Amino acid sequence: MKTFISLAVTSSLTMFISAFAFAKSASQGEGIVTLGGEVVDSACGLELSSIDQTIEMPPEPVGRLLRNTRGADHPFQLRLVNCTLSRPDPSRPGASLPDWKHMQVTFEGPTDRAGLSFAVFGGSQGVALHIVDSAGQESIPGQRMDPRPLAEGDMTLNYRFFLVGNGLPLAVGAHSAAVRFKLEYF
């Protein structure tokens, strides 16, 4: 079985600007660029290599899944950069809001195993994707993980994922999954 896992950020806590270009068909060299976006309050930036990750898993032998009831671990990271705990109040120059103290991660995507794991799609059958953090906390799709203390500077959040059985008979084949994550600071 061959697996591709894709992680993409859908955080409302980062600056998002989309650009659309429209050109008049009658005149070349002219056009309009419309920019829309949102500026939001965020304690950290997200390292670009953490935003969109594609992780290719090597083939997983059916025998290992049957013996161990789960597949091999595959680590991945989210790197937070330039974290600052202080929060100036934009509506009152010189004033501050309460400092950032914690952050939470939520992984989202199609579910399997009665909502406990992430669904995989493709030719294989009988497996789901499970995510666990470095402390062993399991990610439940769409639910916030436990808060983590926020620190100044850079932080690395370590996770691992693996395949688990979903109760259906195992069938070999390629599969893929897409999981989004959201970062919240408070």
Protein backbone atom coordinates (compact mmCIF):
# COMPACT_ATOMS: atom_id res chain seq x y z
CA MET A 1 0.00 0.00 0.00
CA LYS A 2 1.33 3.42 -0.88
CA THR A 3 0.14 6.48 0.98
CA PHE A 4 0.35 10.19 0.30
CA ILE A 5 -0.56 12.50 3.17
CA SER A 6 -1.05 16.18 2.55
CA LEU A 7 -1.28 18.79 5.31
CA ALA A 8 -2.48 22.29 4.53
CA VAL A 9 -2.96 25.29 6.77
CA THR A 10 -6.39 26.86 7.01
CA SER A 11 -5.60 29.13 9.88
CA SER A 12 -7.61 32.26 10.40
CA LEU A 13 -4.67 33.46 12.45
CA THR A 14 -2.32 34.19 9.60
CA MET A 15 -2.49 36.94 7.04
CA PHE A 16 -4.25 35.78 3.92
CA ILE A 17 -4.26 37.81 0.75
CA SER A 18 -5.72 36.58 -2.47
CA ALA A 19 -5.22 38.29 -5.78
CA PHE A 20 -7.41 38.03 -8.80
CA ALA A 21 -6.52 39.57 -12.13
CA PHE A 22 -9.11 40.49 -14.68
CA ALA A 23 -8.12 41.73 -18.10
CA LYS A 24 -10.21 43.41 -20.72
CA SER A 25 -10.36 41.24 -23.78
CA ALA A 26 -10.51 44.27 -26.07
CA SER A 27 -7.28 45.96 -24.98
CA GLN A 28 -4.01 44.25 -24.30
CA GLY A 29 -1.67 45.59 -21.69
CA GLU A 30 -4.47 46.86 -19.48
CA GLY A 31 -6.24 45.23 -16.60
CA ILE A 32 -7.46 45.48 -13.07
CA VAL A 33 -5.96 43.76 -10.05
CA THR A 34 -8.30 43.33 -7.12
CA LEU A 35 -6.80 42.48 -3.74
CA GLY A 36 -8.80 41.17 -0.81
CA GLY A 37 -7.61 39.88 2.47
CA GLU A 38 -7.75 39.96 6.21
CA VAL A 39 -5.28 41.06 8.87
CA VAL A 40 -5.72 39.10 12.07
CA ASP A 41 -4.02 38.94 15.43
CA SER A 42 -1.46 36.13 15.72
CA ALA A 43 1.28 35.29 18.20
CA CYS A 44 3.49 33.39 15.72
CA GLY A 45 4.24 32.97 12.07
CA LEU A 46 4.25 29.57 10.44
CA GLU A 47 7.41 28.50 8.63
CA LEU A 48 6.61 28.17 4.94
CA SER A 49 7.74 24.56 4.75
CA SER A 50 5.14 23.76 7.46
CA ILE A 51 2.18 25.28 5.61
CA ASP A 52 1.79 22.73 2.82
CA GLN A 53 3.44 19.39 3.45
CA THR A 54 3.20 16.32 1.29
CA ILE A 55 4.51 13.24 3.01
CA GLU A 56 4.96 10.04 1.05
CA MET A 57 4.76 6.91 3.16
CA PRO A 58 6.56 3.80 1.98
CA PRO A 59 4.36 0.80 1.26
CA GLU A 60 2.85 -0.72 4.40
CA PRO A 61 2.86 -4.55 4.48
CA VAL A 62 -0.54 -6.06 5.27
CA GLY A 63 1.18 -8.51 7.64
CA ARG A 64 2.50 -5.68 9.82
CA LEU A 65 -0.95 -4.10 10.02
CA LEU A 66 -2.44 -7.45 11.05
CA ARG A 67 0.30 -8.27 13.59
CA ASN A 68 0.63 -4.82 15.17
CA THR A 69 -2.94 -3.56 14.58
CA ARG A 70 -1.36 -0.38 13.23
CA GLY A 71 1.22 0.83 10.73
CA ALA A 72 4.65 2.35 11.18
CA ASP A 73 5.08 5.87 12.62
CA HIS A 74 5.70 8.76 10.25
CA PRO A 75 6.84 12.01 11.91
CA PHE A 76 5.98 15.52 10.78
CA GLN A 77 6.41 18.99 12.27
CA LEU A 78 4.75 22.36 12.41
CA ARG A 79 7.34 25.11 12.92
CA LEU A 80 6.15 28.30 14.56
CA VAL A 81 8.51 31.23 14.03
CA ASN A 82 8.94 34.71 15.48
CA CYS A 83 6.52 34.08 18.34
CA THR A 84 5.89 37.05 20.59
CA LEU A 85 3.81 36.98 23.74
CA SER A 86 3.07 40.71 23.99
CA ARG A 87 0.01 42.14 22.25
CA PRO A 88 -0.29 45.85 21.52
CA ASP A 89 -3.87 47.10 21.38
CA PRO A 90 -4.44 48.47 17.85
CA SER A 91 -7.45 50.51 18.97
CA ARG A 92 -5.55 52.26 21.81
CA PRO A 93 -2.02 53.43 20.93
CA GLY A 94 0.44 52.70 23.73
CA ALA A 95 -1.92 50.24 25.45
CA SER A 96 -1.61 46.48 25.55
CA LEU A 97 -3.93 43.51 25.47
CA PRO A 98 -3.26 40.51 27.77
CA ASP A 99 -0.18 38.55 26.70
CA TRP A 100 -0.50 35.37 24.67
CA LYS A 101 0.06 32.37 26.95
CA HIS A 102 -1.15 29.25 25.13
CA MET A 103 -1.90 27.81 21.73
CA GLN A 104 -4.04 24.93 20.47
CA VAL A 105 -3.93 22.89 17.28
CA THR A 106 -6.96 21.40 15.59
CA PHE A 107 -6.61 18.89 12.76
CA GLU A 108 -9.60 18.66 10.42
CA GLY A 109 -10.61 16.43 7.54
CA PRO A 110 -12.91 13.62 6.48
CA THR A 111 -13.34 11.12 9.31
CA ASP A 112 -13.32 7.36 9.77
CA ARG A 113 -13.67 4.99 12.75
CA ALA A 114 -16.77 6.77 14.08
CA GLY A 115 -14.97 10.14 13.97
CA LEU A 116 -11.83 9.02 15.84
CA SER A 117 -9.43 8.99 12.85
CA PHE A 118 -9.05 10.52 9.41
CA ALA A 119 -10.39 8.82 6.30
CA VAL A 120 -8.12 7.69 3.49
CA PHE A 121 -9.27 7.46 -0.11
CA GLY A 122 -8.12 5.35 -3.01
CA GLY A 123 -7.77 1.70 -3.88
CA SER A 124 -6.95 0.34 -0.44
CA GLN A 125 -9.54 -0.57 2.13
CA GLY A 126 -9.61 -1.30 5.84
CA VAL A 127 -7.34 1.50 7.08
CA ALA A 128 -7.68 4.99 8.51
CA LEU A 129 -5.09 7.65 9.42
CA HIS A 130 -4.39 8.49 13.05
CA ILE A 131 -2.39 11.53 14.36
CA VAL A 132 -0.66 11.74 17.76
CA ASP A 133 1.44 14.56 19.26
CA SER A 134 4.85 14.18 20.95
CA ALA A 135 3.17 13.76 24.36
CA GLY A 136 1.03 10.90 23.05
CA GLN A 137 -2.23 12.85 22.83
CA GLU A 138 -4.41 11.57 20.01
CA SER A 139 -5.91 14.05 17.58
CA ILE A 140 -9.66 13.64 17.12
CA PRO A 141 -10.70 15.19 13.77
CA GLY A 142 -12.25 18.63 14.29
CA GLN A 143 -11.53 18.76 18.04
CA ARG A 144 -8.94 21.04 19.64
CA MET A 145 -5.97 19.29 21.14
CA ASP A 146 -4.87 20.19 24.68
CA PRO A 147 -3.44 23.70 25.08
CA ARG A 148 0.33 24.08 24.92
CA PRO A 149 2.34 26.83 26.56
CA LEU A 150 3.51 29.46 24.12
CA ALA A 151 7.15 30.57 24.17
CA GLU A 152 8.97 33.56 22.67
CA GLY A 153 10.94 32.93 19.49
CA ASP A 154 10.59 29.72 17.49
CA MET A 155 8.74 26.55 18.47
CA THR A 156 8.55 23.15 16.83
CA LEU A 157 5.40 21.08 17.27
CA ASN A 158 6.14 17.39 16.69
CA TYR A 159 3.53 14.92 15.53
CA ARG A 160 3.40 11.46 14.03
CA PHE A 161 0.79 9.66 12.03
CA PHE A 162 0.18 6.01 11.29
CA LEU A 163 -2.42 3.76 9.73
CA VAL A 164 -4.94 1.93 11.90
CA GLY A 165 -7.59 -0.61 11.00
CA ASN A 166 -11.11 0.71 10.53
CA GLY A 167 -13.00 -2.56 10.86
CA LEU A 168 -13.35 -3.28 7.15
CA PRO A 169 -11.45 -6.16 5.50
CA LEU A 170 -7.96 -5.14 4.39
CA ALA A 171 -7.50 -4.65 0.66
CA VAL A 172 -4.18 -3.63 -0.87
CA GLY A 173 -3.89 -0.53 -3.02
CA ALA A 174 -2.74 3.07 -3.05
CA HIS A 175 -4.51 5.65 -0.94
CA SER A 176 -4.22 9.29 0.06
CA ALA A 177 -5.57 11.64 2.70
CA ALA A 178 -5.78 15.40 3.14
CA VAL A 179 -5.70 16.87 6.63
CA ARG A 180 -5.96 20.59 7.44
CA PHE A 181 -4.77 22.18 10.66
CA LYS A 182 -5.75 25.33 12.50
CA LEU A 183 -3.68 27.18 15.12
CA GLU A 184 -5.39 29.22 17.82
CA TYR A 185 -3.65 31.48 20.33
CA PHE A 186 -4.99 32.76 23.63
